[in-house]
C-alpha atoms as a PDB file:
ATOM      1  CA  MET A   1      48.741  58.061  55.130  1.00  0.00           C
ATOM      2  CA  ASP A   2      46.634  61.284  55.868  1.00  0.00           C
ATOM      3  CA  GLY A   3      45.941  62.872  58.762  1.00  0.00           C
ATOM      4  CA  MET A   4      42.391  62.208  59.289  1.00  0.00           C
ATOM      5  CA  ARG A   5      42.766  58.760  58.993  1.00  0.00           C
ATOM      6  CA  ALA A   6      45.397  59.011  60.984  1.00  0.00           C
ATOM      7  CA  ALA A   7      44.012  59.523  63.780  1.00  0.00           C
ATOM      8  CA  ALA A   8      40.292  57.587  63.399  1.00  0.00           C
ATOM      9  CA  LYS A   9      43.198  55.142  63.542  1.00  0.00           C
ATOM     10  CA  LEU A  10      43.485  55.440  67.089  1.00  0.00           C
ATOM     11  CA  ASP A  11      40.327  55.907  67.843  1.00  0.00           C
ATOM     12  CA  GLY A  12      40.147  52.757  69.836  1.00  0.00           C
ATOM     13  CA  ILE A  13      42.556  53.342  71.771  1.00  0.00           C
ATOM     14  CA  GLU A  14      40.744  57.396  72.844  1.00  0.00           C
ATOM     15  CA  ALA A  15      38.166  55.293  73.801  1.00  0.00           C
ATOM     16  CA  GLY A  16      40.503  52.465  75.806  1.00  0.00           C
ATOM     17  CA  ARG A  17      41.154  55.303  77.921  1.00  0.00           C
ATOM     18  CA  GLY A  18      38.881  56.557  78.785  1.00  0.00           C
ATOM     19  CA  LEU A  19      37.429  53.367  79.413  1.00  0.00           C
ATOM     20  CA  ALA A  20      40.838  53.157  81.844  1.00  0.00           C
ATOM     21  CA  ALA A  21      40.429  56.256  83.480  1.00  0.00           C
ATOM     22  CA  SER A  22      37.102  55.203  84.677  1.00  0.00           C
ATOM     23  CA  ALA A  23      37.681  52.313  86.728  1.00  0.00           C
ATOM     24  CA  VAL A  24      40.560  54.052  87.983  1.00  0.00           C
ATOM     25  CA  VAL A  25      37.197  56.233  89.654  1.00  0.00           C
ATOM     26  CA  LEU A  26      35.719  52.982  90.593  1.00  0.00           C
ATOM     27  CA  TYR A  27      38.047  52.502  92.507  1.00  0.00           C
ATOM     28  CA  HIS A  28      37.932  54.937  94.035  1.00  0.00           C
ATOM     29  CA  ALA A  29      35.104  55.550  95.126  1.00  0.00           C
ATOM     30  CA  ALA A  30      34.548  51.948  95.943  1.00  0.00           C
ATOM     31  CA  ARG A  31      37.582  52.487  98.512  1.00  0.00           C
ATOM     32  CA  HIS A  32      36.181  55.271 100.137  1.00  0.00           C
ATOM     33  CA  LEU A  33      33.114  53.459 100.974  1.00  0.00           C
ATOM     34  CA  ASP A  34      35.345  50.418 102.148  1.00  0.00           C
ATOM     35  CA  LYS A  35      37.445  52.910 104.178  1.00  0.00           C
ATOM     36  CA  LEU A  36      34.383  55.339 105.910  1.00  0.00           C
ATOM     37  CA  TYR A  37      31.604  52.083 107.049  1.00  0.00           C
ATOM     38  CA  GLY A  38      34.128  49.200 106.037  1.00  0.00           C
ATOM     39  CA  MET A  39      32.820  47.283 102.447  1.00  0.00           C
ATOM     40  CA  PRO A  40      35.048  45.029 100.859  1.00  0.00           C
ATOM     41  CA  THR A  41      32.500  43.447  99.399  1.00  0.00           C
ATOM     42  CA  LEU A  42      31.520  46.184  97.226  1.00  0.00           C
ATOM     43  CA  MET A  43      35.870  46.879  97.515  1.00  0.00           C
ATOM     44  CA  SER A  44      35.921  43.406  95.848  1.00  0.00           C
ATOM     45  CA  ALA A  45      34.577  43.984  92.835  1.00  0.00           C
ATOM     46  CA  PHE A  46      36.462  47.366  91.526  1.00  0.00           C
ATOM     47  CA  GLN A  47      39.812  46.654  93.313  1.00  0.00           C
ATOM     48  CA  PHE A  48      40.952  46.379  90.359  1.00  0.00           C
ATOM     49  CA  GLY A  49      40.097  49.428  89.043  1.00  0.00           C
ATOM     50  CA  HIS A  50      44.019  51.170  89.715  1.00  0.00           C
ATOM     51  CA  ALA A  51      45.521  48.551  86.728  1.00  0.00           C
ATOM     52  CA  GLY A  52      43.438  51.792  84.340  1.00  0.00           C
ATOM     53  CA  VAL A  53      46.550  52.778  85.473  1.00  0.00           C
ATOM     54  CA  ASP A  54      49.315  50.145  83.789  1.00  0.00           C
ATOM     55  CA  LEU A  55      46.971  50.392  80.559  1.00  0.00           C
ATOM     56  CA  PHE A  56      47.356  54.514  80.835  1.00  0.00           C
ATOM     57  CA  PHE A  57      51.030  53.374  80.999  1.00  0.00           C
ATOM     58  CA  VAL A  58      50.761  51.138  78.074  1.00  0.00           C
ATOM     59  CA  ILE A  59      48.818  53.478  76.189  1.00  0.00           C
ATOM     60  CA  SER A  60      50.879  56.491  76.558  1.00  0.00           C
ATOM     61  CA  GLY A  61      53.586  54.614  74.911  1.00  0.00           C
ATOM     62  CA  PHE A  62      51.947  53.237  72.413  1.00  0.00           C
ATOM     63  CA  ILE A  63      50.927  56.921  71.733  1.00  0.00           C
ATOM     64  CA  ILE A  64      54.272  58.176  71.380  1.00  0.00           C
ATOM     65  CA  LEU A  65      56.277  56.231  69.696  1.00  0.00           C
ATOM     66  CA  TYR A  66      53.458  56.128  66.964  1.00  0.00           C
ATOM     67  CA  VAL A  67      52.315  60.280  67.026  1.00  0.00           C
ATOM     68  CA  HIS A  68      56.004  61.387  66.200  1.00  0.00           C
ATOM     69  CA  TYR A  69      57.662  57.889  65.181  1.00  0.00           C
ATOM     70  CA  ARG A  70      58.971  60.345  61.786  1.00  0.00           C
ATOM     71  CA  ASP A  71      60.037  62.762  64.329  1.00  0.00           C
ATOM     72  CA  ILE A  72      62.869  59.927  65.407  1.00  0.00           C
ATOM     73  CA  GLY A  73      66.289  61.496  64.597  1.00  0.00           C
ATOM     74  CA  ALA A  74      64.890  64.199  63.721  1.00  0.00           C
ATOM     75  CA  PRO A  75      66.097  67.378  66.467  1.00  0.00           C
ATOM     76  CA  GLY A  76      64.430  69.629  64.379  1.00  0.00           C
ATOM     77  CA  ARG A  77      61.111  68.850  65.250  1.00  0.00           C
ATOM     78  CA  LEU A  78      62.002  68.880  69.184  1.00  0.00           C
ATOM     79  CA  GLY A  79      60.333  72.114  69.500  1.00  0.00           C
ATOM     80  CA  HIS A  80      56.982  70.760  67.987  1.00  0.00           C
ATOM     81  CA  TYR A  81      57.288  67.755  69.971  1.00  0.00           C
ATOM     82  CA  VAL A  82      58.166  68.977  73.572  1.00  0.00           C
ATOM     83  CA  GLY A  83      55.141  71.760  72.882  1.00  0.00           C
ATOM     84  CA  ARG A  84      52.165  69.419  72.300  1.00  0.00           C
ATOM     85  CA  ARG A  85      53.063  67.787  75.088  1.00  0.00           C
ATOM     86  CA  PHE A  86      53.658  70.485  78.103  1.00  0.00           C
ATOM     87  CA  THR A  87      50.154  71.569  75.825  1.00  0.00           C
ATOM     88  CA  ARG A  88      48.925  68.503  76.334  1.00  0.00           C
ATOM     89  CA  VAL A  89      49.862  67.887  80.224  1.00  0.00           C
ATOM     90  CA  MET A  90      50.375  70.822  82.824  1.00  0.00           C
ATOM     91  CA  PRO A  91      47.193  73.207  81.550  1.00  0.00           C
ATOM     92  CA  THR A  92      44.760  71.464  82.746  1.00  0.00           C
ATOM     93  CA  TYR A  93      46.991  69.805  85.712  1.00  0.00           C
ATOM     94  CA  TRP A  94      47.612  73.447  86.833  1.00  0.00           C
ATOM     95  CA  VAL A  95      44.203  73.560  86.907  1.00  0.00           C
ATOM     96  CA  ALA A  96      43.101  70.381  88.793  1.00  0.00           C
ATOM     97  CA  LEU A  97      45.521  71.568  91.647  1.00  0.00           C
ATOM     98  CA  ALA A  98      44.825  74.955  91.838  1.00  0.00           C
ATOM     99  CA  ILE A  99      41.582  73.494  92.409  1.00  0.00           C
ATOM    100  CA  THR A 100      42.679  70.815  94.803  1.00  0.00           C
ATOM    101  CA  VAL A 101      44.019  73.479  97.373  1.00  0.00           C
ATOM    102  CA  LEU A 102      41.660  76.090  96.773  1.00  0.00           C
ATOM    103  CA  LEU A 103      39.436  72.878  98.062  1.00  0.00           C
ATOM    104  CA  ALA A 104      41.508  72.239 100.790  1.00  0.00           C
ATOM    105  CA  THR A 105      42.226  75.545 102.118  1.00  0.00           C
ATOM    106  CA  GLY A 106      38.695  75.489 102.009  1.00  0.00           C
ATOM    107  CA  GLY A 107      38.449  72.907 103.831  1.00  0.00           C
ATOM    108  CA  GLY A 108      40.180  74.382 107.008  1.00  0.00           C
ATOM    109  CA  HIS A 109      43.257  72.570 106.112  1.00  0.00           C
ATOM    110  CA  ALA A 110      46.179  75.249 106.538  1.00  0.00           C
ATOM    111  CA  LEU A 111      47.853  76.582 103.455  1.00  0.00           C
ATOM    112  CA  PRO A 112      50.129  75.011 101.508  1.00  0.00           C
ATOM    113  CA  SER A 113      54.050  75.123 102.272  1.00  0.00           C
ATOM    114  CA  LEU A 114      56.316  77.281  99.467  1.00  0.00           C
ATOM    115  CA  THR A 115      58.437  73.396  98.837  1.00  0.00           C
ATOM    116  CA  ASP A 116      55.378  71.648  98.963  1.00  0.00           C
ATOM    117  CA  LEU A 117      53.627  73.755  95.950  1.00  0.00           C
ATOM    118  CA  ALA A 118      56.947  73.868  93.474  1.00  0.00           C
ATOM    119  CA  TRP A 119      57.218  70.150  94.001  1.00  0.00           C
ATOM    120  CA  SER A 120      53.213  69.612  93.406  1.00  0.00           C
ATOM    121  CA  VAL A 121      54.078  72.472  90.326  1.00  0.00           C
ATOM    122  CA  SER A 122      56.803  71.346  88.943  1.00  0.00           C
ATOM    123  CA  LEU A 123      55.812  67.442  88.614  1.00  0.00           C
ATOM    124  CA  LEU A 124      60.145  67.331  88.461  1.00  0.00           C
ATOM    125  CA  PRO A 125      61.044  63.576  89.503  1.00  0.00           C
ATOM    126  CA  SER A 126      61.628  63.133  93.258  1.00  0.00           C
ATOM    127  CA  ASN A 127      59.893  61.508  96.524  1.00  0.00           C
ATOM    128  CA  HIS A 128      57.848  64.310  97.912  1.00  0.00           C
ATOM    129  CA  GLY A 129      54.688  64.024  97.902  1.00  0.00           C
ATOM    130  CA  LEU A 130      52.457  65.135  95.831  1.00  0.00           C
ATOM    131  CA  LEU A 131      49.106  67.780  97.025  1.00  0.00           C
ATOM    132  CA  LEU A 132      47.550  66.599  94.936  1.00  0.00           C
ATOM    133  CA  ASP A 133      48.117  62.782  95.153  1.00  0.00           C
ATOM    134  CA  ILE A 134      46.400  61.254  91.839  1.00  0.00           C
ATOM    135  CA  ALA A 135      49.706  63.010  90.574  1.00  0.00           C
ATOM    136  CA  TRP A 136      52.287  61.295  90.606  1.00  0.00           C
ATOM    137  CA  THR A 137      51.585  59.150  87.220  1.00  0.00           C
ATOM    138  CA  LEU A 138      52.433  62.563  85.744  1.00  0.00           C
ATOM    139  CA  ARG A 139      56.113  62.008  87.621  1.00  0.00           C
ATOM    140  CA  TYR A 140      56.054  58.597  85.237  1.00  0.00           C
ATOM    141  CA  GLU A 141      54.708  60.025  82.504  1.00  0.00           C
ATOM    142  CA  LEU A 142      57.600  62.963  81.730  1.00  0.00           C
ATOM    143  CA  VAL A 143      59.665  61.207  82.955  1.00  0.00           C
ATOM    144  CA  PHE A 144      59.403  59.271  79.411  1.00  0.00           C
ATOM    145  CA  TYR A 145      58.510  62.445  77.742  1.00  0.00           C
ATOM    146  CA  ALA A 146      62.373  63.066  78.268  1.00  0.00           C
ATOM    147  CA  VAL A 147      64.245  60.546  77.599  1.00  0.00           C
ATOM    148  CA  PHE A 148      61.777  60.183  74.228  1.00  0.00           C
ATOM    149  CA  CYS A 149      64.215  63.766  73.765  1.00  0.00           C
ATOM    150  CA  VAL A 150      67.047  62.242  73.127  1.00  0.00           C
ATOM    151  CA  LEU A 151      65.613  59.955  70.019  1.00  0.00           C
ATOM    152  CA  ILE A 152      63.977  62.442  68.382  1.00  0.00           C
ATOM    153  CA  LEU A 153      67.641  65.041  69.191  1.00  0.00           C
ATOM    154  CA  ASN A 154      69.163  61.443  67.685  1.00  0.00           C
ATOM    155  CA  ARG A 155      68.457  58.395  67.497  1.00  0.00           C
ATOM    156  CA  THR A 156      71.757  56.162  68.655  1.00  0.00           C
ATOM    157  CA  ALA A 157      72.206  57.829  70.994  1.00  0.00           C
ATOM    158  CA  GLY A 158      68.393  57.542  71.730  1.00  0.00           C
ATOM    159  CA  VAL A 159      68.257  53.961  71.712  1.00  0.00           C
ATOM    160  CA  ALA A 160      71.497  53.447  73.401  1.00  0.00           C
ATOM    161  CA  VAL A 161      69.911  55.366  76.381  1.00  0.00           C
ATOM    162  CA  MET A 162      65.882  53.601  75.707  1.00  0.00           C
ATOM    163  CA  ALA A 163      68.344  50.678  76.460  1.00  0.00           C
ATOM    164  CA  LEU A 164      70.422  51.811  79.289  1.00  0.00           C
ATOM    165  CA  TRP A 165      67.156  52.500  80.877  1.00  0.00           C
ATOM    166  CA  LEU A 166      65.182  49.015  79.878  1.00  0.00           C
ATOM    167  CA  ALA A 167      68.873  47.547  81.102  1.00  0.00           C
ATOM    168  CA  LEU A 168      68.012  49.424  84.447  1.00  0.00           C
ATOM    169  CA  LEU A 169      64.249  49.046  85.257  1.00  0.00           C
ATOM    170  CA  VAL A 170      64.992  45.142  84.296  1.00  0.00           C
ATOM    171  CA  ALA A 171      67.758  44.728  86.983  1.00  0.00           C
ATOM    172  CA  VAL A 172      65.629  46.293  89.203  1.00  0.00           C
ATOM    173  CA  PHE A 173      62.748  44.005  88.369  1.00  0.00           C
ATOM    174  CA  VAL A 174      64.705  40.902  88.942  1.00  0.00           C
ATOM    175  CA  VAL A 175      67.210  41.441  91.640  1.00  0.00           C
ATOM    176  CA  GLY A 176      64.756  43.964  93.827  1.00  0.00           C
ATOM    177  CA  PHE A 177      66.859  47.023  94.523  1.00  0.00           C
ATOM    178  CA  SER A 178      65.709  49.599  95.647  1.00  0.00           C
ATOM    179  CA  ILE A 179      68.121  52.863  94.686  1.00  0.00           C
ATOM    180  CA  PRO A 180      69.094  56.290  96.378  1.00  0.00           C
ATOM    181  CA  VAL A 181      66.967  58.364  93.085  1.00  0.00           C
ATOM    182  CA  PRO A 182      63.181  58.800  93.315  1.00  0.00           C
ATOM    183  CA  GLY A 183      60.589  56.486  92.489  1.00  0.00           C
ATOM    184  CA  SER A 184      59.599  57.009  88.622  1.00  0.00           C
ATOM    185  CA  LEU A 185      62.981  56.964  87.065  1.00  0.00           C
ATOM    186  CA  TYR A 186      63.353  53.443  87.475  1.00  0.00           C
ATOM    187  CA  GLY A 187      59.597  51.881  89.392  1.00  0.00           C
ATOM    188  CA  ALA A 188      58.201  49.201  87.231  1.00  0.00           C
ATOM    189  CA  PHE A 189      55.663  51.240  85.397  1.00  0.00           C
ATOM    190  CA  ASN A 190      57.993  52.577  83.121  1.00  0.00           C
ATOM    191  CA  LEU A 191      58.435  49.152  81.291  1.00  0.00           C
ATOM    192  CA  GLN A 192      55.139  49.828  80.219  1.00  0.00           C
ATOM    193  CA  PHE A 193      55.698  52.520  78.275  1.00  0.00           C
ATOM    194  CA  PHE A 194      58.640  49.435  76.644  1.00  0.00           C
ATOM    195  CA  LEU A 195      55.086  47.486  76.178  1.00  0.00           C
ATOM    196  CA  GLY A 196      53.598  50.608  74.505  1.00  0.00           C
ATOM    197  CA  MET A 197      55.718  50.992  72.499  1.00  0.00           C
ATOM    198  CA  GLY A 198      56.545  48.352  71.028  1.00  0.00           C
ATOM    199  CA  ALA A 199      52.839  47.679  70.413  1.00  0.00           C
ATOM    200  CA  ALA A 200      53.321  50.297  68.437  1.00  0.00           C
ATOM    201  CA  TYR A 201      56.573  49.199  66.456  1.00  0.00           C
ATOM    202  CA  VAL A 202      54.323  46.798  65.304  1.00  0.00           C
ATOM    203  CA  MET A 203      51.886  48.878  64.485  1.00  0.00           C
ATOM    204  CA  HIS A 204      54.071  50.507  62.025  1.00  0.00           C
ATOM    205  CA  ASN A 205      56.814  47.634  60.221  1.00  0.00           C
ATOM    206  CA  TYR A 206      54.293  44.865  60.261  1.00  0.00           C
ATOM    207  CA  GLU A 207      50.950  43.233  59.480  1.00  0.00           C
ATOM    208  CA  PHE A 208      48.648  41.026  61.013  1.00  0.00           C
ATOM    209  CA  PRO A 209      46.027  39.116  60.394  1.00  0.00           C
ATOM    210  CA  ALA A 210      43.877  38.291  63.089  1.00  0.00           C
ATOM    211  CA  PRO A 211      44.003  41.163  65.200  1.00  0.00           C
ATOM    212  CA  LYS A 212      40.335  41.002  66.888  1.00  0.00           C
ATOM    213  CA  THR A 213      41.625  37.731  68.068  1.00  0.00           C
ATOM    214  CA  LEU A 214      44.621  39.638  69.541  1.00  0.00           C
ATOM    215  CA  LEU A 215      42.225  42.056  71.487  1.00  0.00           C
ATOM    216  CA  ALA A 216      39.915  39.297  72.946  1.00  0.00           C
ATOM    217  CA  VAL A 217      43.180  37.313  73.851  1.00  0.00           C
ATOM    218  CA  GLY A 218      44.315  40.192  75.709  1.00  0.00           C
ATOM    219  CA  ILE A 219      40.628  41.184  77.006  1.00  0.00           C
ATOM    220  CA  VAL A 220      40.257  37.601  78.597  1.00  0.00           C
ATOM    221  CA  ALA A 221      43.962  38.100  79.780  1.00  0.00           C
ATOM    222  CA  PHE A 222      43.423  41.583  81.196  1.00  0.00           C
ATOM    223  CA  ALA A 223      40.093  39.757  82.848  1.00  0.00           C
ATOM    224  CA  LEU A 224      41.759  37.071  84.404  1.00  0.00           C
ATOM    225  CA  VAL A 225      44.426  39.279  85.835  1.00  0.00           C
ATOM    226  CA  ALA A 226      41.892  41.683  87.453  1.00  0.00           C
ATOM    227  CA  GLY A 227      39.509  38.329  88.955  1.00  0.00           C
ATOM    228  CA  ALA A 228      42.503  36.883  90.356  1.00  0.00           C
ATOM    229  CA  GLU A 229      43.371  40.373  91.807  1.00  0.00           C
ATOM    230  CA  ASN A 230      39.466  40.912  93.283  1.00  0.00           C
ATOM    231  CA  VAL A 231      39.328  37.063  94.549  1.00  0.00           C
ATOM    232  CA  GLY A 232      42.651  37.727  96.620  1.00  0.00           C
ATOM    233  CA  ALA A 233      44.520  35.651  94.900  1.00  0.00           C
ATOM    234  CA  LEU A 234      46.572  38.495  92.855  1.00  0.00           C
ATOM    235  CA  ASP A 235      48.592  41.471  95.013  1.00  0.00           C
ATOM    236  CA  GLY A 236      47.679  43.819  92.257  1.00  0.00           C
ATOM    237  CA  TYR A 237      49.939  46.457  93.732  1.00  0.00           C
ATOM    238  CA  THR A 238      53.726  44.143  93.261  1.00  0.00           C
ATOM    239  CA  ASN A 239      56.406  44.697  91.020  1.00  0.00           C
ATOM    240  CA  ALA A 240      55.435  41.934  88.903  1.00  0.00           C
ATOM    241  CA  ALA A 241      50.974  42.784  88.799  1.00  0.00           C
ATOM    242  CA  ARG A 242      52.491  45.170  85.950  1.00  0.00           C
ATOM    243  CA  LEU A 243      53.212  42.427  83.614  1.00  0.00           C
ATOM    244  CA  TYR A 244      50.614  40.853  84.197  1.00  0.00           C
ATOM    245  CA  TYR A 245      48.774  43.854  83.896  1.00  0.00           C
ATOM    246  CA  GLY A 246      51.036  44.750  81.416  1.00  0.00           C
ATOM    247  CA  VAL A 247      51.217  41.933  78.789  1.00  0.00           C
ATOM    248  CA  PRO A 248      47.726  41.071  78.748  1.00  0.00           C
ATOM    249  CA  ALA A 249      47.008  45.780  77.536  1.00  0.00           C
ATOM    250  CA  ALA A 250      50.084  45.466  75.815  1.00  0.00           C
ATOM    251  CA  MET A 251      47.808  43.117  73.253  1.00  0.00           C
ATOM    252  CA  ILE A 252      44.768  44.892  73.549  1.00  0.00           C
ATOM    253  CA  VAL A 253      46.154  48.663  72.229  1.00  0.00           C
ATOM    254  CA  LEU A 254      47.833  46.525  68.928  1.00  0.00           C
ATOM    255  CA  GLY A 255      44.302  44.870  68.376  1.00  0.00           C
ATOM    256  CA  VAL A 256      42.517  48.106  68.364  1.00  0.00           C
ATOM    257  CA  ALA A 257      45.137  49.598  66.364  1.00  0.00           C
ATOM    258  CA  LEU A 258      45.452  47.365  63.928  1.00  0.00           C
ATOM    259  CA  ALA A 259      41.102  46.872  63.867  1.00  0.00           C
ATOM    260  CA  GLY A 260      41.363  50.453  63.319  1.00  0.00           C
ATOM    261  CA  ARG A 261      42.899  50.146  59.863  1.00  0.00           C
ATOM    262  CA  THR A 262      40.379  48.792  58.200  1.00  0.00           C
ATOM    263  CA  ASP A 263      37.984  50.170  60.044  1.00  0.00           C
ATOM    264  CA  ALA A 264      36.630  46.574  61.750  1.00  0.00           C
ATOM    265  CA  LEU A 265      36.159  48.625  65.213  1.00  0.00           C
ATOM    266  CA  PRO A 266      33.751  50.578  65.154  1.00  0.00           C
ATOM    267  CA  ILE A 267      33.287  52.580  68.111  1.00  0.00           C
ATOM    268  CA  PRO A 268      29.859  54.132  69.973  1.00  0.00           C
ATOM    269  CA  SER A 269      29.654  57.941  70.960  1.00  0.00           C
ATOM    270  CA  TRP A 270      29.819  56.438  74.880  1.00  0.00           C
ATOM    271  CA  LEU A 271      32.755  54.698  74.332  1.00  0.00           C
ATOM    272  CA  ARG A 272      34.773  58.451  72.381  1.00  0.00           C
ATOM    273  CA  ILE A 273      33.221  60.760  74.695  1.00  0.00           C
ATOM    274  CA  LEU A 274      34.473  59.163  77.386  1.00  0.00           C
ATOM    275  CA  GLY A 275      37.713  58.939  75.641  1.00  0.00           C
ATOM    276  CA  SER A 276      37.847  62.479  75.065  1.00  0.00           C
ATOM    277  CA  ALA A 277      37.609  63.839  78.550  1.00  0.00           C
ATOM    278  CA  SER A 278      39.443  60.338  79.876  1.00  0.00           C
ATOM    279  CA  TYR A 279      42.207  63.591  80.819  1.00  0.00           C
ATOM    280  CA  SER A 280      40.497  65.646  82.825  1.00  0.00           C
ATOM    281  CA  ILE A 281      38.535  62.075  84.669  1.00  0.00           C
ATOM    282  CA  TYR A 282      41.313  61.713  86.202  1.00  0.00           C
ATOM    283  CA  LEU A 283      43.076  64.358  86.976  1.00  0.00           C
ATOM    284  CA  PHE A 284      39.217  65.933  88.917  1.00  0.00           C
ATOM    285  CA  GLN A 285      37.903  62.571  89.834  1.00  0.00           C
ATOM    286  CA  PHE A 286      38.535  63.266  93.626  1.00  0.00           C
ATOM    287  CA  VAL A 287      37.357  67.203  93.578  1.00  0.00           C
ATOM    288  CA  PHE A 288      33.846  65.929  92.083  1.00  0.00           C
ATOM    289  CA  ILE A 289      33.612  62.564  93.698  1.00  0.00           C
ATOM    290  CA  GLY A 290      34.463  65.360  96.905  1.00  0.00           C
ATOM    291  CA  ILE A 291      31.933  67.266  96.124  1.00  0.00           C
ATOM    292  CA  ALA A 292      29.315  64.612  95.762  1.00  0.00           C
ATOM    293  CA  TRP A 293      29.889  63.336  99.366  1.00  0.00           C
ATOM    294  CA  LYS A 294      29.643  66.464 101.360  1.00  0.00           C
ATOM    295  CA  LEU A 295      27.333  66.956  99.418  1.00  0.00           C
ATOM    296  CA  TRP A 296      25.601  63.328 100.248  1.00  0.00           C
ATOM    297  CA  LEU A 297      26.109  63.956 103.101  1.00  0.00           C
ATOM    298  CA  ALA A 298      24.578  67.596 103.680  1.00  0.00           C
ATOM    299  CA  ALA A 299      20.684  65.736 102.987  1.00  0.00           C
ATOM    300  CA  GLY A 300      21.437  63.148 105.356  1.00  0.00           C
ATOM    301  CA  LEU A 301      21.186  60.664 102.771  1.00  0.00           C
ATOM    302  CA  ASP A 302      23.801  59.056 105.035  1.00  0.00           C
ATOM    303  CA  ARG A 303      21.726  57.874 107.640  1.00  0.00           C
ATOM    304  CA  ALA A 304      18.426  57.215 105.498  1.00  0.00           C
ATOM    305  CA  VAL A 305      19.594  55.206 103.241  1.00  0.00           C
ATOM    306  CA  PRO A 306      22.359  51.546 102.991  1.00  0.00           C
ATOM    307  CA  HIS A 307      25.710  53.211 102.577  1.00  0.00           C
ATOM    308  CA  GLY A 308      26.735  51.370  99.932  1.00  0.00           C
ATOM    309  CA  LEU A 309      24.257  53.287  97.610  1.00  0.00           C
ATOM    310  CA  ALA A 310      26.234  56.231  97.432  1.00  0.00           C
ATOM    311  CA  PHE A 311      28.598  54.318  94.786  1.00  0.00           C
ATOM    312  CA  VAL A 312      26.592  55.496  92.105  1.00  0.00           C
ATOM    313  CA  PRO A 313      26.841  59.263  92.920  1.00  0.00           C
ATOM    314  CA  LEU A 314      30.172  59.256  94.261  1.00  0.00           C
ATOM    315  CA  ALA A 315      30.967  56.734  90.493  1.00  0.00           C
ATOM    316  CA  VAL A 316      28.641  58.809  88.560  1.00  0.00           C
ATOM    317  CA  ALA A 317      30.188  62.462  89.760  1.00  0.00           C
ATOM    318  CA  GLY A 318      33.618  61.287  89.631  1.00  0.00           C
ATOM    319  CA  ILE A 319      32.852  60.534  85.580  1.00  0.00           C
ATOM    320  CA  GLY A 320      30.281  63.152  84.351  1.00  0.00           C
ATOM    321  CA  GLY A 321      32.526  65.674  86.719  1.00  0.00           C
ATOM    322  CA  GLY A 322      35.901  64.963  84.501  1.00  0.00           C
ATOM    323  CA  ILE A 323      33.834  64.662  81.259  1.00  0.00           C
ATOM    324  CA  LEU A 324      32.411  68.355  81.875  1.00  0.00           C
ATOM    325  CA  MET A 325      35.442  69.555  82.353  1.00  0.00           C
ATOM    326  CA  SER A 326      36.652  68.474  79.356  1.00  0.00           C
ATOM    327  CA  ARG A 327      34.442  70.574  77.736  1.00  0.00           C
ATOM    328  CA  TRP A 328      34.561  73.757  79.453  1.00  0.00           C
ATOM    329  CA  VAL A 329      37.949  73.200  80.742  1.00  0.00           C
ATOM    330  CA  GLU A 330      40.636  71.441  79.620  1.00  0.00           C
ATOM    331  CA  HIS A 331      39.992  70.677  75.592  1.00  0.00           C
ATOM    332  CA  PRO A 332      38.838  75.150  75.257  1.00  0.00           C
ATOM    333  CA  LEU A 333      42.576  75.342  77.591  1.00  0.00           C
ATOM    334  CA  ILE A 334      44.615  73.283  75.134  1.00  0.00           C
ATOM    335  CA  ARG A 335      43.250  75.484  71.982  1.00  0.00           C
ATOM    336  CA  MET A 336      44.376  78.519  73.299  1.00  0.00           C
ATOM    337  CA  VAL A 337      47.444  77.546  74.997  1.00  0.00           C
ATOM    338  CA  ARG A 338      48.580  76.351  71.489  1.00  0.00           C
ATOM    339  CA  ARG A 339      47.778  79.062  69.423  1.00  0.00           C
ATOM    340  CA  GLY A 340      49.363  81.429  72.036  1.00  0.00           C
ATOM    341  CA  GLY A 341      52.358  79.389  70.908  1.00  0.00           C
ATOM    342  CA  PRO A 342      54.771  79.720  68.102  1.00  0.00           C
ATOM    343  CA  ARG A 343      52.936  79.264  64.791  1.00  0.00           C
ATOM    344  CA  ILE A 344      54.753  75.664  63.546  1.00  0.00           C
ATOM    345  CA  ARG A 345      52.679  73.314  61.386  1.00  0.00           C
ATOM    346  CA  PRO A 346      51.808  69.955  63.325  1.00  0.00           C
ATOM    347  CA  ARG A 347      51.556  66.867  61.339  1.00  0.00           C
ATOM    348  CA  PRO A 348      47.745  65.449  61.901  1.00  0.00           C
ATOM    349  CA  ALA A 349      47.382  62.969  64.982  1.00  0.00           C
ATOM    350  CA  VAL A 350      46.280  62.765  68.101  1.00  0.00           C
ATOM    351  CA  GLY A 351      47.546  62.838  71.619  1.00  0.00           C
END
């Protein structure tokens, strides 16, 4: 399989990340207005949007195993793996964190303590709050990346560690007990990494005759769960909801990836743009929603027009601002950091 072909197969997966990030933005824009003005109809319409995180985690599990499948049991590849993960996640996150702190202090908040700053900069597993709230998902991601390192160092040890971790996750999920360790180590969201890895394993080892059917079933199932949450028939914040959303998300991811084998799923350009900017859309959404809201208030529009109309500029700012940051900050920064690192010949891949 040549590198260009491998990357093309993940275009649909990248587009899924863009849609997931955008859904989270819509959720937060609606929640912002609901908290201020009490807008339950608007909130219920976009209540499901937080489940974009569930899709994110499934996609992450898929991409990590799919891209690094041949690195398992190859300890010489560990440096490349760690370098790719670090440069993909941390530099852009640090920029988002710095902007968040600057805006907060400029708005009259006190400077954060060194302890708060250290936990936020490092993203080490902890129940300590983060200065950039939305980065809680990155704590889960880094735990998953760390466990996957064991697979690269030694296949047998890695499988054993993964199995023990999965057993712990299932036990906590089924019995419902808590553990006096950070939630990112045993939270139900981690199950979605395994769902994604399962999809990647199938992608590598099996043929599926009707990927579009699988995709359609996954979309319908995900939509049914989302609809149930929107009307109040399902609590989307429970541990069980991680599977209600996670299983259909895994079907969607596998269906999209399998369809990509034959280019049976053309991806429109606007979805490619969203996919490329998904990380920045997710990280910078509060920055741009906040800026848009301040401008809305400064213009006096909160008194001149119905409050619900503010949803559009808030959502557009959250998504559009992320797209700009991806082009002006995220991707140039990644290229700069990777050029400055050791010259490792990478396997062409997305991630």
